PDB file of N, CA and C in Angstrom:
ATOM      1  N   MET A   1       0.590  -1.243  -0.447  1.00  0.00           N
ATOM      2  CA  MET A   1      -0.055  -0.005  -0.442  1.00  0.00           C
ATOM      3  C   MET A   1       0.751   1.513  -0.481  1.00  0.00           C
ATOM      4  N   ALA A   2       0.516   2.204  -0.831  1.00  0.00           N
ATOM      5  CA  ALA A   2       1.118   3.467  -1.176  1.00  0.00           C
ATOM      6  C   ALA A   2       1.062   4.432   0.192  1.00  0.00           C
ATOM      7  N   LYS A   3       2.184   4.892   0.795  1.00  0.00           N
ATOM      8  CA  LYS A   3       2.074   5.861   1.487  1.00  0.00           C
ATOM      9  C   LYS A   3       1.554   7.323   0.981  1.00  0.00           C
ATOM     10  N   VAL A   4       0.517   7.929   1.861  1.00  0.00           N
ATOM     11  CA  VAL A   4       0.159   9.586   1.084  1.00  0.00           C
ATOM     12  C   VAL A   4       0.328  10.023   2.478  1.00  0.00           C
ATOM     13  N   SER A   5       0.443  11.236   2.193  1.00  0.00           N
ATOM     14  CA  SER A   5       0.707  12.363   2.911  1.00  0.00           C
ATOM     15  C   SER A   5      -0.497  12.797   3.474  1.00  0.00           C
ATOM     16  N   PRO A   6      -0.487  13.324   4.757  1.00  0.00           N
ATOM     17  CA  PRO A   6      -1.616  14.131   5.377  1.00  0.00           C
ATOM     18  C   PRO A   6      -2.670  15.100   4.850  1.00  0.00           C
ATOM     19  N   ILE A   7      -1.566  15.622   4.066  1.00  0.00           N
ATOM     20  CA  ILE A   7      -2.041  16.436   2.959  1.00  0.00           C
ATOM     21  C   ILE A   7      -3.290  16.014   1.665  1.00  0.00           C
ATOM     22  N   GLN A   8      -2.563  15.033   1.437  1.00  0.00           N
ATOM     23  CA  GLN A   8      -3.258  14.162   0.296  1.00  0.00           C
ATOM     24  C   GLN A   8      -4.194  13.822   0.880  1.00  0.00           C
ATOM     25  N   PHE A   9      -3.888  12.833   1.861  1.00  0.00           N
ATOM     26  CA  PHE A   9      -5.247  11.970   2.432  1.00  0.00           C
ATOM     27  C   PHE A   9      -6.410  13.057   2.560  1.00  0.00           C
ATOM     28  N   PHE A  10      -6.194  14.223   3.288  1.00  0.00           N
ATOM     29  CA  PHE A  10      -7.475  15.087   3.279  1.00  0.00           C
ATOM     30  C   PHE A  10      -7.972  15.758   2.241  1.00  0.00           C
ATOM     31  N   ARG A  11      -7.370  15.770   1.244  1.00  0.00           N
ATOM     32  CA  ARG A  11      -8.064  16.162  -0.130  1.00  0.00           C
ATOM     33  C   ARG A  11      -8.941  14.926  -0.789  1.00  0.00           C
ATOM     34  N   GLN A  12      -8.388  13.954  -0.620  1.00  0.00           N
ATOM     35  CA  GLN A  12      -8.777  12.541  -1.077  1.00  0.00           C
ATOM     36  C   GLN A  12     -10.337  12.654  -0.167  1.00  0.00           C
ATOM     37  N   VAL A  13     -10.459  12.866   1.186  1.00  0.00           N
ATOM     38  CA  VAL A  13     -11.643  12.680   1.563  1.00  0.00           C
ATOM     39  C   VAL A  13     -12.436  13.615   1.412  1.00  0.00           C
ATOM     40  N   LYS A  14     -11.974  14.548   0.774  1.00  0.00           N
ATOM     41  CA  LYS A  14     -12.956  16.006   0.818  1.00  0.00           C
ATOM     42  C   LYS A  14     -13.486  15.728  -0.537  1.00  0.00           C
ATOM     43  N   GLN A  15     -12.692  15.283  -1.249  1.00  0.00           N
ATOM     44  CA  GLN A  15     -13.390  14.269  -2.759  1.00  0.00           C
ATOM     45  C   GLN A  15     -14.510  13.665  -2.374  1.00  0.00           C
ATOM     46  N   GLU A  16     -14.323  12.838  -1.857  1.00  0.00           N
ATOM     47  CA  GLU A  16     -14.980  11.598  -1.559  1.00  0.00           C
ATOM     48  C   GLU A  16     -16.291  11.872  -0.552  1.00  0.00           C
ATOM     49  N   VAL A  17     -16.216  13.069  -0.013  1.00  0.00           N
ATOM     50  CA  VAL A  17     -17.624  13.889   0.997  1.00  0.00           C
ATOM     51  C   VAL A  17     -17.835  14.598   0.016  1.00  0.00           C
ATOM     52  N   LYS A  18     -17.775  14.938  -1.114  1.00  0.00           N
ATOM     53  CA  LYS A  18     -18.677  15.605  -2.084  1.00  0.00           C
ATOM     54  C   LYS A  18     -19.176  14.902  -2.784  1.00  0.00           C
ATOM     55  N   LYS A  19     -18.918  13.186  -3.054  1.00  0.00           N
ATOM     56  CA  LYS A  19     -19.997  12.499  -3.802  1.00  0.00           C
ATOM     57  C   LYS A  19     -20.855  11.950  -2.800  1.00  0.00           C
ATOM     58  N   VAL A  20     -21.043  12.661  -1.673  1.00  0.00           N
ATOM     59  CA  VAL A  20     -21.957  11.744  -1.428  1.00  0.00           C
ATOM     60  C   VAL A  20     -22.913  12.515  -0.768  1.00  0.00           C
ATOM     61  N   THR A  21     -24.288  11.383  -1.116  1.00  0.00           N
ATOM     62  CA  THR A  21     -25.751  12.336  -1.320  1.00  0.00           C
ATOM     63  C   THR A  21     -26.299  11.899  -0.339  1.00  0.00           C
ATOM     64  N   TRP A  22     -26.539  13.460   0.731  1.00  0.00           N
ATOM     65  CA  TRP A  22     -27.121  13.258   1.860  1.00  0.00           C
ATOM     66  C   TRP A  22     -28.803  13.592   2.106  1.00  0.00           C
ATOM     67  N   PRO A  23     -29.320  12.858   2.573  1.00  0.00           N
ATOM     68  CA  PRO A  23     -30.538  12.532   3.080  1.00  0.00           C
ATOM     69  C   PRO A  23     -31.550  14.201   3.352  1.00  0.00           C
ATOM     70  N   THR A  24     -32.534  14.448   2.413  1.00  0.00           N
ATOM     71  CA  THR A  24     -33.514  15.435   2.995  1.00  0.00           C
ATOM     72  C   THR A  24     -34.075  15.546   4.432  1.00  0.00           C
ATOM     73  N   ARG A  25     -34.349  16.885   4.569  1.00  0.00           N
ATOM     74  CA  ARG A  25     -34.791  16.457   6.071  1.00  0.00           C
ATOM     75  C   ARG A  25     -36.174  15.675   6.119  1.00  0.00           C
ATOM     76  N   LYS A  26     -36.760  15.826   4.939  1.00  0.00           N
ATOM     77  CA  LYS A  26     -38.410  15.457   5.132  1.00  0.00           C
ATOM     78  C   LYS A  26     -37.997  13.656   4.782  1.00  0.00           C
ATOM     79  N   GLU A  27     -36.836  13.501   4.180  1.00  0.00           N
ATOM     80  CA  GLU A  27     -36.800  11.804   4.175  1.00  0.00           C
ATOM     81  C   GLU A  27     -35.794  11.412   5.660  1.00  0.00           C
ATOM     82  N   VAL A  28     -35.461  12.349   6.150  1.00  0.00           N
ATOM     83  CA  VAL A  28     -34.679  11.826   7.543  1.00  0.00           C
ATOM     84  C   VAL A  28     -36.042  11.382   8.368  1.00  0.00           C
ATOM     85  N   MET A  29     -37.255  12.785   8.479  1.00  0.00           N
ATOM     86  CA  MET A  29     -37.955  12.200   9.702  1.00  0.00           C
ATOM     87  C   MET A  29     -38.983  11.167   9.118  1.00  0.00           C
ATOM     88  N   GLN A  30     -39.215  10.991   7.805  1.00  0.00           N
ATOM     89  CA  GLN A  30     -40.153   9.627   7.577  1.00  0.00           C
ATOM     90  C   GLN A  30     -39.319   8.476   7.407  1.00  0.00           C
ATOM     91  N   THR A  31     -37.984   8.434   7.797  1.00  0.00           N
ATOM     92  CA  THR A  31     -37.583   6.828   7.948  1.00  0.00           C
ATOM     93  C   THR A  31     -37.416   7.138   9.569  1.00  0.00           C
ATOM     94  N   SER A  32     -37.266   8.039  10.199  1.00  0.00           N
ATOM     95  CA  SER A  32     -36.847   8.006  11.725  1.00  0.00           C
ATOM     96  C   SER A  32     -38.327   7.596  11.801  1.00  0.00           C
ATOM     97  N   LEU A  33     -39.288   8.290  11.631  1.00  0.00           N
ATOM     98  CA  LEU A  33     -40.968   7.619  11.951  1.00  0.00           C
ATOM     99  C   LEU A  33     -40.892   6.589  11.914  1.00  0.00           C
ATOM    100  N   VAL A  34     -40.544   5.848  10.682  1.00  0.00           N
ATOM    101  CA  VAL A  34     -40.978   4.119  10.369  1.00  0.00           C
ATOM    102  C   VAL A  34     -39.794   3.575  11.787  1.00  0.00           C
ATOM    103  N   VAL A  35     -38.989   3.771  11.528  1.00  0.00           N
ATOM    104  CA  VAL A  35     -37.949   3.118  12.677  1.00  0.00           C
ATOM    105  C   VAL A  35     -38.801   2.656  13.995  1.00  0.00           C
ATOM    106  N   ILE A  36     -39.536   4.492  14.578  1.00  0.00           N
ATOM    107  CA  ILE A  36     -40.309   4.697  15.708  1.00  0.00           C
ATOM    108  C   ILE A  36     -41.178   3.822  15.579  1.00  0.00           C
ATOM    109  N   VAL A  37     -41.959   3.642  15.031  1.00  0.00           N
ATOM    110  CA  VAL A  37     -43.132   2.741  14.562  1.00  0.00           C
ATOM    111  C   VAL A  37     -42.846   1.063  14.487  1.00  0.00           C
ATOM    112  N   LEU A  38     -41.930   0.948  14.017  1.00  0.00           N
ATOM    113  CA  LEU A  38     -41.434  -0.516  14.076  1.00  0.00           C
ATOM    114  C   LEU A  38     -40.919  -1.083  15.132  1.00  0.00           C
ATOM    115  N   VAL A  39     -39.533  -0.110  16.193  1.00  0.00           N
ATOM    116  CA  VAL A  39     -39.661  -0.328  17.533  1.00  0.00           C
ATOM    117  C   VAL A  39     -40.949  -0.357  18.385  1.00  0.00           C
ATOM    118  N   ALA A  40     -41.450   0.173  18.159  1.00  0.00           N
ATOM    119  CA  ALA A  40     -42.755   0.297  19.167  1.00  0.00           C
ATOM    120  C   ALA A  40     -43.533  -1.217  18.988  1.00  0.00           C
ATOM    121  N   ILE A  41     -43.714  -1.669  17.366  1.00  0.00           N
ATOM    122  CA  ILE A  41     -44.488  -2.827  17.464  1.00  0.00           C
ATOM    123  C   ILE A  41     -43.375  -4.302  18.055  1.00  0.00           C
ATOM    124  N   ALA A  42     -42.545  -4.178  17.386  1.00  0.00           N
ATOM    125  CA  ALA A  42     -41.616  -4.801  18.100  1.00  0.00           C
ATOM    126  C   ALA A  42     -41.784  -5.094  19.802  1.00  0.00           C
ATOM    127  N   ALA A  43     -41.579  -3.790  20.721  1.00  0.00           N
ATOM    128  CA  ALA A  43     -41.768  -4.148  22.052  1.00  0.00           C
ATOM    129  C   ALA A  43     -42.900  -4.662  22.577  1.00  0.00           C
ATOM    130  N   THR A  44     -44.268  -4.222  21.726  1.00  0.00           N
ATOM    131  CA  THR A  44     -45.400  -4.712  22.174  1.00  0.00           C
ATOM    132  C   THR A  44     -45.529  -6.385  21.959  1.00  0.00           C
ATOM    133  N   PHE A  45     -44.923  -6.271  20.717  1.00  0.00           N
ATOM    134  CA  PHE A  45     -44.876  -7.999  20.472  1.00  0.00           C
ATOM    135  C   PHE A  45     -44.004  -8.687  21.371  1.00  0.00           C
ATOM    136  N   PHE A  46     -43.011  -8.303  22.047  1.00  0.00           N
ATOM    137  CA  PHE A  46     -41.989  -9.036  22.958  1.00  0.00           C
ATOM    138  C   PHE A  46     -42.851  -9.322  24.103  1.00  0.00           C
ATOM    139  N   PHE A  47     -42.952  -7.902  24.476  1.00  0.00           N
ATOM    140  CA  PHE A  47     -44.113  -7.711  25.756  1.00  0.00           C
ATOM    141  C   PHE A  47     -45.081  -8.922  26.046  1.00  0.00           C
ATOM    142  N   PHE A  48     -45.905  -9.177  24.855  1.00  0.00           N
ATOM    143  CA  PHE A  48     -46.813  -9.813  25.206  1.00  0.00           C
ATOM    144  C   PHE A  48     -46.411 -11.448  25.053  1.00  0.00           C
ATOM    145  N   VAL A  49     -45.295 -11.808  24.172  1.00  0.00           N
ATOM    146  CA  VAL A  49     -44.604 -12.997  24.577  1.00  0.00           C
ATOM    147  C   VAL A  49     -44.279 -13.074  25.660  1.00  0.00           C
ATOM    148  N   ASP A  50     -43.530 -12.427  25.981  1.00  0.00           N
ATOM    149  CA  ASP A  50     -42.896 -12.451  27.587  1.00  0.00           C
ATOM    150  C   ASP A  50     -43.984 -12.741  28.313  1.00  0.00           C
ATOM    151  N   GLN A  51     -45.176 -12.029  28.456  1.00  0.00           N
ATOM    152  CA  GLN A  51     -45.895 -12.352  29.523  1.00  0.00           C
ATOM    153  C   GLN A  51     -46.726 -13.659  29.382  1.00  0.00           C
ATOM    154  N   ILE A  52     -46.839 -13.998  28.038  1.00  0.00           N
ATOM    155  CA  ILE A  52     -47.553 -15.693  27.895  1.00  0.00           C
ATOM    156  C   ILE A  52     -46.396 -16.534  28.451  1.00  0.00           C
ATOM    157  N   LEU A  53     -44.993 -16.251  27.651  1.00  0.00           N
ATOM    158  CA  LEU A  53     -44.185 -17.575  28.146  1.00  0.00           C
ATOM    159  C   LEU A  53     -44.036 -17.550  29.870  1.00  0.00           C
ATOM    160  N   GLY A  54     -44.107 -16.237  30.361  1.00  0.00           N
ATOM    161  CA  GLY A  54     -44.330 -16.194  32.224  1.00  0.00           C
ATOM    162  C   GLY A  54     -45.361 -16.905  32.658  1.00  0.00           C
ATOM    163  N   TRP A  55     -46.565 -16.765  31.659  1.00  0.00           N
ATOM    164  CA  TRP A  55     -47.578 -17.469  32.555  1.00  0.00           C
ATOM    165  C   TRP A  55     -47.420 -18.766  32.279  1.00  0.00           C
ATOM    166  N   ILE A  56     -47.118 -19.854  31.079  1.00  0.00           N
ATOM    167  CA  ILE A  56     -47.200 -20.687  30.931  1.00  0.00           C
ATOM    168  C   ILE A  56     -46.117 -21.565  31.899  1.00  0.00           C
ATOM    169  N   VAL A  57     -44.880 -21.218  32.164  1.00  0.00           N
ATOM    170  CA  VAL A  57     -43.947 -21.757  33.180  1.00  0.00           C
ATOM    171  C   VAL A  57     -44.538 -21.578  34.686  1.00  0.00           C
ATOM    172  N   LYS A  58     -45.478 -20.360  34.967  1.00  0.00           N
ATOM    173  CA  LYS A  58     -45.517 -20.549  36.330  1.00  0.00           C
ATOM    174  C   LYS A  58     -46.879 -21.434  36.476  1.00  0.00           C
ATOM    175  N   ILE A  59     -47.635 -22.244  35.001  1.00  0.00           N
ATOM    176  CA  ILE A  59     -48.806 -22.546  35.249  1.00  0.00           C
ATOM    177  C   ILE A  59     -47.879 -24.212  35.322  1.00  0.00           C
ATOM    178  N   VAL A  60     -46.393 -24.479  34.631  1.00  0.00           N
ATOM    179  CA  VAL A  60     -45.975 -25.589  34.703  1.00  0.00           C
ATOM    180  C   VAL A  60     -44.933 -25.834  36.274  1.00  0.00           C
ATOM    181  N   LEU A  61     -44.532 -24.637  36.858  1.00  0.00           N
ATOM    182  CA  LEU A  61     -44.307 -24.708  37.869  1.00  0.00           C
ATOM    183  C   LEU A  61     -45.114 -25.134  39.060  1.00  0.00           C
ATOM    184  N   ASP A  62     -46.281 -24.814  38.611  1.00  0.00           N
ATOM    185  CA  ASP A  62     -47.561 -24.718  39.981  1.00  0.00           C
ATOM    186  C   ASP A  62     -47.489 -26.350  40.034  1.00  0.00           C
ATOM    187  N   LEU A  63     -47.039 -26.668  39.101  1.00  0.00           N
ATOM    188  CA  LEU A  63     -48.259 -28.143  38.761  1.00  0.00           C
ATOM    189  C   LEU A  63     -46.970 -29.276  39.255  1.00  0.00           C
ATOM    190  N   GLY A  64     -46.100 -28.854  39.990  1.00  0.00           N
ATOM    191  CA  GLY A  64     -44.969 -29.520  40.628  1.00  0.00           C
ATOM    192  C   GLY A  64     -45.585 -29.587  42.275  1.00  0.00           C
ATOM    193  N   VAL A  65     -45.837 -28.436  42.412  1.00  0.00           N
ATOM    194  CA  VAL A  65     -45.956 -28.360  43.915  1.00  0.00           C
ATOM    195  C   VAL A  65     -46.972 -29.202  44.699  1.00  0.00           C
TER     196      VAL A  65
END
C-alpha cells in the first residue's frame, strides 16, 4: 500500500465527501418515524410474548407443587 501524505489524504477525503448524497430533512423525518413505529410494534410483540411465556412457566412450575 502506497504511503500518502496527510495533506493528500485530506484532499482525498474532501473529494469523497463531495460524492455523498445526503438525505433531505423530509427523508430523515420519514425514516425516523418508520423506525420509531417498528420499534414500538416489536416492543409490544415481545412484551406480550414474554407475558404469555411467563404465564406458561408459572403454570408448569405450579403443577410440581
